[in-house]
């Protein structure tokens, strides 16, 4: 599961970068009025990256807390 989480973390970062590059190029080529809306997808992918990273750190802290609780009970 940890491998899956890391792959998906970097997938969202790569998706944000690729979408930004494509949207920027198309905005330059065809105009910002036509392609400016697609920057929402860049923001969405970047937001997914940030939320995924935050949740992974939160889960690591939670698992460490659970392990500490198990050790204290023994």
C-alpha atoms as a PDB file:
ATOM      1  CA  UNK A   1       0.000   0.000   0.000  1.00  0.00           C
ATOM      2  CA  UNK A   2       2.888   2.346   0.702  1.00  0.00           C
ATOM      3  CA  UNK A   3       4.213   1.894  -2.848  1.00  0.00           C
ATOM      4  CA  UNK A   4       0.773   2.653  -4.272  1.00  0.00           C
ATOM      5  CA  UNK A   5       0.519   5.843  -2.213  1.00  0.00           C
ATOM      6  CA  UNK A   6       3.927   7.068  -3.382  1.00  0.00           C
ATOM      7  CA  UNK A   7       3.132   6.277  -7.019  1.00  0.00           C
ATOM      8  CA  UNK A   8      -0.166   8.145  -6.816  1.00  0.00           C
ATOM      9  CA  UNK A   9       1.492  11.061  -5.040  1.00  0.00           C
ATOM     10  CA  UNK A  10       3.937  11.582  -7.876  1.00  0.00           C
ATOM     11  CA  UNK A  11       1.267  10.806 -10.482  1.00  0.00           C
ATOM     12  CA  UNK A  12      -0.702  13.859  -9.352  1.00  0.00           C
ATOM     13  CA  UNK A  13       2.407  16.025  -9.393  1.00  0.00           C
ATOM     14  CA  UNK A  14       3.336  14.821 -12.885  1.00  0.00           C
ATOM     15  CA  UNK A  15      -0.242  15.323 -14.074  1.00  0.00           C
ATOM     16  CA  UNK A  16      -0.244  18.911 -12.778  1.00  0.00           C
ATOM     17  CA  UNK A  17       3.048  19.659 -14.546  1.00  0.00           C
ATOM     18  CA  UNK A  18       1.999  18.072 -17.851  1.00  0.00           C
ATOM     19  CA  UNK A  19      -1.406  19.763 -17.848  1.00  0.00           C
ATOM     20  CA  UNK A  20       0.234  23.110 -17.030  1.00  0.00           C
ATOM     21  CA  UNK A  21       2.696  22.780 -19.910  1.00  0.00           C
ATOM     22  CA  UNK A  22       0.036  21.738 -22.413  1.00  0.00           C
ATOM     23  CA  UNK A  23      -2.426  24.398 -21.274  1.00  0.00           C
ATOM     24  CA  UNK A  24       0.238  27.104 -21.347  1.00  0.00           C
ATOM     25  CA  UNK A  25       1.332  26.126 -24.852  1.00  0.00           C
ATOM     26  CA  UNK A  26      -2.224  25.997 -26.161  1.00  0.00           C
ATOM     27  CA  UNK A  27      -3.037  29.312 -24.465  1.00  0.00           C
ATOM     28  CA  UNK A  28      -0.061  30.868 -26.221  1.00  0.00           C
ATOM     29  CA  UNK A  29      -0.930  29.295 -29.566  1.00  0.00           C
ATOM     30  CA  UNK A  30      -4.695  29.801 -29.606  1.00  0.00           C
ATOM     31  CA  UNK A  31      -5.384  32.421 -26.982  1.00  0.00           C
ATOM     32  CA  UNK A  32      -5.973  32.577 -23.263  1.00  0.00           C
ATOM     33  CA  UNK A  33      -9.719  33.109 -23.679  1.00  0.00           C
ATOM     34  CA  UNK A  34     -10.106  29.672 -25.206  1.00  0.00           C
ATOM     35  CA  UNK A  35      -7.690  27.731 -22.958  1.00  0.00           C
ATOM     36  CA  UNK A  36      -7.638  29.707 -19.706  1.00  0.00           C
ATOM     37  CA  UNK A  37     -10.426  27.598 -18.238  1.00  0.00           C
ATOM     38  CA  UNK A  38      -8.183  24.513 -18.302  1.00  0.00           C
ATOM     39  CA  UNK A  39      -5.931  25.950 -15.600  1.00  0.00           C
ATOM     40  CA  UNK A  40      -8.631  24.725 -13.210  1.00  0.00           C
ATOM     41  CA  UNK A  41      -7.434  21.197 -13.984  1.00  0.00           C
ATOM     42  CA  UNK A  42      -3.882  22.203 -13.102  1.00  0.00           C
ATOM     43  CA  UNK A  43      -5.110  23.515  -9.784  1.00  0.00           C
ATOM     44  CA  UNK A  44      -7.158  20.381  -9.162  1.00  0.00           C
ATOM     45  CA  UNK A  45      -4.215  18.059  -9.838  1.00  0.00           C
ATOM     46  CA  UNK A  46      -1.936  20.185  -7.660  1.00  0.00           C
ATOM     47  CA  UNK A  47      -4.542  20.188  -4.896  1.00  0.00           C
ATOM     48  CA  UNK A  48      -4.771  16.387  -5.123  1.00  0.00           C
ATOM     49  CA  UNK A  49      -0.984  16.178  -4.765  1.00  0.00           C
ATOM     50  CA  UNK A  50      -0.998  18.373  -1.678  1.00  0.00           C
ATOM     51  CA  UNK A  51      -3.915  16.557  -0.043  1.00  0.00           C
ATOM     52  CA  UNK A  52      -2.364  13.165  -0.773  1.00  0.00           C
ATOM     53  CA  UNK A  53       0.959  14.245   0.759  1.00  0.00           C
ATOM     54  CA  UNK A  54      -0.806  15.671   3.816  1.00  0.00           C
ATOM     55  CA  UNK A  55      -2.828  12.485   4.298  1.00  0.00           C
ATOM     56  CA  UNK A  56       0.257  10.279   3.942  1.00  0.00           C
ATOM     57  CA  UNK A  57       2.064  12.236   6.665  1.00  0.00           C
ATOM     58  CA  UNK A  58      -1.023  12.101   8.849  1.00  0.00           C
ATOM     59  CA  UNK A  59      -1.302   8.325   8.406  1.00  0.00           C
ATOM     60  CA  UNK A  60       2.378   7.821   9.286  1.00  0.00           C
ATOM     61  CA  UNK A  61       1.891   9.769  12.523  1.00  0.00           C
ATOM     62  CA  UNK A  62      -1.236   7.772  13.324  1.00  0.00           C
ATOM     63  CA  UNK A  63       0.523   4.435  12.762  1.00  0.00           C
ATOM     64  CA  UNK A  64       3.403   5.555  14.975  1.00  0.00           C
ATOM     65  CA  UNK A  65       0.897   6.517  17.673  1.00  0.00           C
ATOM     66  CA  UNK A  66      -0.768   3.100  17.460  1.00  0.00           C
ATOM     67  CA  UNK A  67       2.599   1.345  17.787  1.00  0.00           C
ATOM     68  CA  UNK A  68       3.432   3.477  20.820  1.00  0.00           C
ATOM     69  CA  UNK A  69       0.105   2.570  22.411  1.00  0.00           C
ATOM     70  CA  UNK A  70       0.785  -1.149  21.845  1.00  0.00           C
ATOM     71  CA  UNK A  71       4.204  -0.849  23.485  1.00  0.00           C
ATOM     72  CA  UNK A  72       2.771   1.009  26.488  1.00  0.00           C
ATOM     73  CA  UNK A  73       0.147  -1.698  27.093  1.00  0.00           C
ATOM     74  CA  UNK A  74       2.773  -4.422  27.352  1.00  0.00           C
END
